[in-house]
N, C-alpha and C. Protein backbone atom coordinates (compact mmCIF):
# COMPACT_ATOMS: atom_id res chain seq x y z
N MET A 1 -72.06 9.62 2.38
CA MET A 1 -71.66 9.44 1.70
C MET A 1 -72.41 9.62 0.17
N TYR A 2 -71.62 9.45 -0.56
CA TYR A 2 -72.21 10.30 -1.88
C TYR A 2 -71.18 9.64 -2.80
N ALA A 3 -72.05 10.03 -3.96
CA ALA A 3 -70.99 8.68 -5.43
C ALA A 3 -71.34 9.98 -6.76
N ILE A 4 -70.45 9.63 -7.41
CA ILE A 4 -70.39 10.51 -7.95
C ILE A 4 -71.01 9.62 -9.74
N ILE A 5 -71.63 10.33 -10.80
CA ILE A 5 -72.59 10.17 -11.36
C ILE A 5 -72.77 10.98 -13.12
N LYS A 6 -72.93 10.47 -13.89
CA LYS A 6 -72.20 10.71 -14.96
C LYS A 6 -73.70 11.14 -16.45
N SER A 7 -73.93 12.43 -16.32
CA SER A 7 -75.17 13.15 -16.84
C SER A 7 -74.55 14.12 -18.39
N GLY A 8 -75.26 13.68 -19.38
CA GLY A 8 -74.49 14.32 -20.29
C GLY A 8 -73.97 14.98 -20.38
N GLY A 9 -72.50 13.78 -20.78
CA GLY A 9 -71.07 13.78 -21.39
C GLY A 9 -70.29 14.33 -20.00
N LYS A 10 -71.15 14.86 -19.13
CA LYS A 10 -70.33 15.09 -17.56
C LYS A 10 -70.53 14.05 -16.16
N GLN A 11 -69.05 14.93 -15.51
CA GLN A 11 -69.11 14.19 -14.32
C GLN A 11 -70.00 14.46 -13.00
N TYR A 12 -70.21 14.63 -12.09
CA TYR A 12 -70.78 14.95 -10.62
C TYR A 12 -70.85 14.35 -9.74
N ARG A 13 -70.80 15.13 -8.82
CA ARG A 13 -70.07 14.63 -7.41
C ARG A 13 -71.52 15.29 -6.50
N VAL A 14 -71.86 13.98 -5.97
CA VAL A 14 -73.64 13.92 -5.41
C VAL A 14 -73.99 13.89 -4.43
N GLN A 15 -74.28 14.48 -3.77
CA GLN A 15 -74.53 14.07 -1.96
C GLN A 15 -76.35 14.30 -2.03
N SER A 16 -77.10 13.32 -0.61
CA SER A 16 -78.58 12.94 -1.08
C SER A 16 -78.66 14.82 -0.11
N GLY A 17 -79.92 15.62 -0.49
CA GLY A 17 -80.22 17.00 -0.52
C GLY A 17 -79.56 17.70 -1.18
N GLU A 18 -78.37 17.48 -1.69
CA GLU A 18 -78.39 18.74 -2.51
C GLU A 18 -79.05 19.06 -4.03
N GLN A 19 -78.58 19.97 -4.45
CA GLN A 19 -79.19 20.63 -5.34
C GLN A 19 -77.76 20.90 -6.84
N LEU A 20 -78.49 20.31 -7.64
CA LEU A 20 -77.43 20.30 -8.80
C LEU A 20 -78.17 21.20 -10.03
N ARG A 21 -77.50 21.61 -11.29
CA ARG A 21 -77.81 21.64 -12.56
C ARG A 21 -76.50 20.89 -13.57
N VAL A 22 -77.62 19.94 -14.17
CA VAL A 22 -77.36 19.49 -15.00
C VAL A 22 -77.73 19.81 -16.91
N GLU A 23 -77.15 18.39 -17.65
CA GLU A 23 -77.79 19.29 -19.08
C GLU A 23 -78.92 18.53 -18.79
N THR A 24 -79.97 19.29 -20.01
CA THR A 24 -81.65 19.22 -20.11
C THR A 24 -81.64 17.93 -19.82
N LEU A 25 -82.65 17.73 -19.19
CA LEU A 25 -83.64 16.03 -19.13
C LEU A 25 -85.12 16.19 -18.89
N VAL A 26 -85.00 15.08 -20.19
CA VAL A 26 -86.57 15.21 -20.83
C VAL A 26 -87.76 14.99 -19.40
N ALA A 27 -87.69 15.36 -18.35
CA ALA A 27 -88.82 15.43 -18.08
C ALA A 27 -89.51 16.77 -17.03
N GLU A 28 -90.28 16.67 -16.81
CA GLU A 28 -91.62 17.78 -16.18
C GLU A 28 -90.81 18.05 -15.13
N VAL A 29 -91.63 19.37 -14.72
CA VAL A 29 -90.99 19.23 -12.91
C VAL A 29 -91.90 19.23 -12.06
N GLY A 30 -91.08 18.47 -11.44
CA GLY A 30 -92.26 17.76 -9.83
C GLY A 30 -91.89 15.99 -10.19
N ALA A 31 -91.13 16.06 -11.60
CA ALA A 31 -90.99 14.88 -11.62
C ALA A 31 -89.48 13.79 -11.47
N ALA A 32 -89.53 12.19 -11.29
CA ALA A 32 -88.54 11.80 -10.54
C ALA A 32 -87.88 11.81 -11.24
N VAL A 33 -86.30 11.60 -11.26
CA VAL A 33 -85.05 10.59 -12.63
C VAL A 33 -84.18 9.91 -11.16
N SER A 34 -84.08 8.86 -12.12
CA SER A 34 -82.85 8.41 -11.63
C SER A 34 -81.79 7.96 -12.49
N PHE A 35 -80.44 8.55 -11.95
CA PHE A 35 -79.05 8.22 -12.52
C PHE A 35 -79.01 6.81 -12.75
N ASP A 36 -78.73 5.73 -13.58
CA ASP A 36 -77.78 5.01 -13.31
C ASP A 36 -76.50 4.26 -13.72
N HIS A 37 -75.93 5.69 -14.12
CA HIS A 37 -74.63 5.04 -14.95
C HIS A 37 -74.40 6.12 -13.25
N VAL A 38 -73.35 6.04 -12.18
CA VAL A 38 -73.10 5.45 -11.71
C VAL A 38 -71.17 5.20 -11.82
N LEU A 39 -70.19 6.34 -11.27
CA LEU A 39 -69.25 5.25 -11.95
C LEU A 39 -68.53 5.06 -9.78
N MET A 40 -68.54 6.44 -9.45
CA MET A 40 -68.03 5.79 -8.08
C MET A 40 -69.24 5.87 -6.51
N VAL A 41 -69.05 4.95 -5.40
CA VAL A 41 -69.87 5.86 -4.53
C VAL A 41 -69.53 5.29 -3.58
N GLY A 42 -69.79 5.72 -2.50
CA GLY A 42 -69.83 5.58 -1.13
C GLY A 42 -68.35 7.08 0.27
N ALA A 43 -68.16 6.19 0.57
CA ALA A 43 -67.36 7.35 0.76
C ALA A 43 -66.11 7.05 2.30
N GLY A 44 -65.26 7.59 2.51
CA GLY A 44 -63.58 7.27 2.69
C GLY A 44 -63.27 5.06 2.47
N ALA A 45 -62.93 4.84 3.32
CA ALA A 45 -62.68 3.25 3.38
C ALA A 45 -63.49 2.34 2.41
N ASP A 46 -64.56 2.90 2.94
CA ASP A 46 -65.98 2.20 2.14
C ASP A 46 -66.55 2.23 0.66
N ALA A 47 -65.53 3.37 -0.31
CA ALA A 47 -65.64 3.37 -1.00
C ALA A 47 -65.68 2.47 -2.04
N ARG A 48 -66.69 2.54 -3.53
CA ARG A 48 -67.19 1.18 -4.00
C ARG A 48 -66.45 1.74 -5.33
N VAL A 49 -65.14 1.85 -6.51
CA VAL A 49 -65.37 2.43 -7.56
C VAL A 49 -65.69 1.27 -8.30
N GLY A 50 -66.20 2.15 -9.61
CA GLY A 50 -66.97 0.84 -11.15
C GLY A 50 -65.87 0.20 -11.44
N ALA A 51 -65.99 -0.36 -13.08
CA ALA A 51 -65.64 -0.59 -14.14
C ALA A 51 -66.10 -1.01 -14.51
N PRO A 52 -66.15 0.09 -15.57
CA PRO A 52 -66.61 1.32 -15.81
C PRO A 52 -67.61 2.62 -14.55
N LEU A 53 -68.45 1.32 -14.43
CA LEU A 53 -69.83 1.72 -14.06
C LEU A 53 -69.24 0.18 -12.20
N VAL A 54 -70.32 1.22 -10.86
CA VAL A 54 -70.58 0.43 -9.91
C VAL A 54 -72.47 -0.68 -9.80
N ALA A 55 -72.36 -1.64 -10.19
CA ALA A 55 -73.04 -2.83 -10.47
C ALA A 55 -74.31 -2.26 -9.28
N GLY A 56 -75.75 -1.97 -10.06
CA GLY A 56 -76.46 -1.93 -9.18
C GLY A 56 -76.64 -0.22 -8.27
N ALA A 57 -76.00 0.44 -8.70
CA ALA A 57 -75.98 1.55 -7.95
C ALA A 57 -76.76 2.13 -8.45
N LYS A 58 -77.39 3.53 -7.85
CA LYS A 58 -78.18 4.09 -8.62
C LYS A 58 -78.77 5.34 -7.72
N VAL A 59 -78.84 6.03 -8.66
CA VAL A 59 -79.22 7.93 -7.62
C VAL A 59 -80.36 8.43 -8.38
N THR A 60 -81.27 8.65 -7.52
CA THR A 60 -82.62 9.29 -7.70
C THR A 60 -82.97 10.13 -7.35
N ALA A 61 -83.76 11.24 -8.32
CA ALA A 61 -83.39 13.00 -7.77
C ALA A 61 -84.81 13.19 -8.09
N THR A 62 -85.36 13.94 -7.63
CA THR A 62 -85.85 15.19 -8.24
C THR A 62 -86.42 15.81 -8.60
N VAL A 63 -86.81 16.61 -9.94
CA VAL A 63 -86.53 17.58 -11.02
C VAL A 63 -87.26 19.20 -10.55
N VAL A 64 -86.23 19.71 -10.16
CA VAL A 64 -86.89 20.95 -9.78
C VAL A 64 -87.38 22.88 -10.64
N ALA A 65 -86.59 22.22 -11.70
CA ALA A 65 -86.32 23.44 -12.43
C ALA A 65 -86.20 23.43 -13.36
N HIS A 66 -86.20 24.30 -14.41
CA HIS A 66 -85.85 24.29 -15.83
C HIS A 66 -85.08 25.26 -16.32
N GLY A 67 -84.43 25.44 -17.09
CA GLY A 67 -84.02 27.11 -17.31
C GLY A 67 -82.50 27.21 -18.50
N ARG A 68 -82.14 28.53 -18.42
CA ARG A 68 -80.88 28.51 -19.33
C ARG A 68 -79.70 29.41 -18.61
N GLY A 69 -79.41 29.20 -18.58
CA GLY A 69 -77.20 30.32 -18.20
C GLY A 69 -77.18 30.84 -18.89
N ASP A 70 -75.87 31.54 -17.70
CA ASP A 70 -76.19 33.41 -18.51
C ASP A 70 -75.18 33.36 -20.01
N LYS A 71 -75.40 33.86 -20.12
CA LYS A 71 -74.82 34.38 -21.85
C LYS A 71 -73.64 34.78 -22.09
N VAL A 72 -72.88 33.32 -23.06
CA VAL A 72 -71.48 33.31 -23.46
C VAL A 72 -71.52 34.12 -24.24
N ARG A 73 -70.26 35.75 -24.37
CA ARG A 73 -70.63 35.26 -25.74
C ARG A 73 -68.45 35.27 -26.00
N ILE A 74 -69.33 34.99 -27.94
CA ILE A 74 -68.03 34.67 -28.40
C ILE A 74 -67.35 35.77 -29.61
N PHE A 75 -66.59 36.31 -29.81
CA PHE A 75 -66.03 37.36 -30.65
C PHE A 75 -64.37 36.55 -30.96
N LYS A 76 -64.93 36.62 -32.42
CA LYS A 76 -63.62 36.31 -33.32
C LYS A 76 -63.16 38.18 -33.34
N LEU A 77 -62.00 38.37 -34.24
CA LEU A 77 -61.41 39.17 -34.31
C LEU A 77 -60.33 38.29 -35.34
N ARG A 78 -60.09 39.24 -36.92
CA ARG A 78 -59.02 39.29 -37.38
C ARG A 78 -58.02 40.82 -38.03
N ARG A 79 -56.61 40.64 -37.25
CA ARG A 79 -56.33 41.93 -37.41
C ARG A 79 -56.06 42.70 -38.87
N ARG A 80 -56.92 43.62 -38.52
CA ARG A 80 -56.04 44.67 -40.20
C ARG A 80 -56.58 43.92 -41.02
N LYS A 81 -57.29 42.47 -41.43
CA LYS A 81 -58.66 41.92 -42.39
C LYS A 81 -59.87 42.83 -42.17
N HIS A 82 -60.45 43.59 -41.24
CA HIS A 82 -61.71 44.29 -41.41
C HIS A 82 -62.82 42.79 -41.28
N TYR A 83 -62.10 41.95 -39.61
CA TYR A 83 -63.33 40.54 -40.00
C TYR A 83 -63.39 41.13 -38.82
N GLN A 84 -64.57 40.95 -38.80
CA GLN A 84 -65.62 40.87 -37.54
C GLN A 84 -65.88 40.05 -36.74
N LYS A 85 -66.14 38.97 -35.78
CA LYS A 85 -67.21 38.51 -36.22
C LYS A 85 -68.01 37.90 -34.54
N SER A 86 -69.87 38.82 -34.08
CA SER A 86 -69.74 38.28 -33.30
C SER A 86 -71.53 37.16 -32.37
N GLN A 87 -71.34 36.14 -31.97
CA GLN A 87 -71.90 35.01 -31.52
C GLN A 87 -72.26 35.40 -29.70
N GLY A 88 -73.42 34.93 -29.61
CA GLY A 88 -73.66 34.03 -28.08
C GLY A 88 -74.78 33.30 -27.93
N HIS A 89 -74.06 32.69 -26.80
CA HIS A 89 -75.05 30.87 -26.79
C HIS A 89 -75.92 31.11 -24.70
N ARG A 90 -76.62 30.21 -24.99
CA ARG A 90 -77.29 30.16 -23.97
C ARG A 90 -76.83 28.80 -23.51
N GLN A 91 -77.00 27.74 -23.12
CA GLN A 91 -76.70 26.62 -22.68
C GLN A 91 -78.14 26.21 -21.83
N ASN A 92 -79.34 25.69 -21.96
CA ASN A 92 -80.76 24.74 -21.38
C ASN A 92 -79.87 24.07 -20.78
N TYR A 93 -80.19 24.15 -19.22
CA TYR A 93 -79.97 23.23 -18.00
C TYR A 93 -81.36 22.67 -17.16
N THR A 94 -81.31 21.81 -16.57
CA THR A 94 -82.43 21.52 -15.58
C THR A 94 -81.72 20.94 -14.35
N GLU A 95 -82.48 21.71 -13.22
CA GLU A 95 -81.71 22.13 -11.55
C GLU A 95 -82.19 20.38 -10.89
N VAL A 96 -81.79 19.56 -10.36
CA VAL A 96 -82.66 18.66 -10.40
C VAL A 96 -81.88 18.55 -7.73
N ARG A 97 -83.05 17.92 -7.89
CA ARG A 97 -82.79 17.49 -6.12
C ARG A 97 -82.07 16.55 -5.68
N ILE A 98 -81.19 15.48 -4.61
CA ILE A 98 -80.57 14.62 -5.16
C ILE A 98 -81.38 13.79 -4.48
N ASP A 99 -82.43 13.27 -3.69
CA ASP A 99 -82.84 12.13 -3.35
C ASP A 99 -81.95 11.24 -1.95
N ASP A 100 -81.74 9.93 -2.72
CA ASP A 100 -81.83 9.00 -2.02
C ASP A 100 -80.10 8.83 -3.31
N ILE A 101 -79.34 7.41 -2.34
CA ILE A 101 -78.25 7.29 -2.81
C ILE A 101 -78.06 5.01 -3.03
N VAL A 102 -78.11 4.62 -3.38
CA VAL A 102 -78.59 3.95 -3.64
C VAL A 102 -77.60 2.52 -3.72
N ALA A 103 -76.35 2.41 -3.31
CA ALA A 103 -75.10 1.62 -3.61
C ALA A 103 -75.69 0.70 -4.02
N GLY A 104 -75.88 0.09 -4.51
CA GLY A 104 -75.95 -1.63 -4.65
C GLY A 104 -75.72 -3.10 -4.03
N ALA A 105 -75.27 -3.54 -4.93
CA ALA A 105 -75.39 -4.90 -4.14
C ALA A 105 -73.45 -4.74 -4.22
């Protein structure tokens, strides 16, 4: 069974036992977090699609680590104008392990 959850403006397809990186969550390492924005749950013919959310569905997870992603380089150049601008950005993330998927009523 899998679920599609929404966290940090993005959607993720999750299964029990897998680890994934989501946008930064305010939680300590080892703390339990729950995702209530479940858009779809189930598999195959038993799949339930919400409109927009599945009522009573919940995904619980455990925070494994916090970190920062790879650097994304931004380089802007205007040709023949002697204009160059360079920037960099590293996005923060939280790595979570999916523990349980509750399908709801």
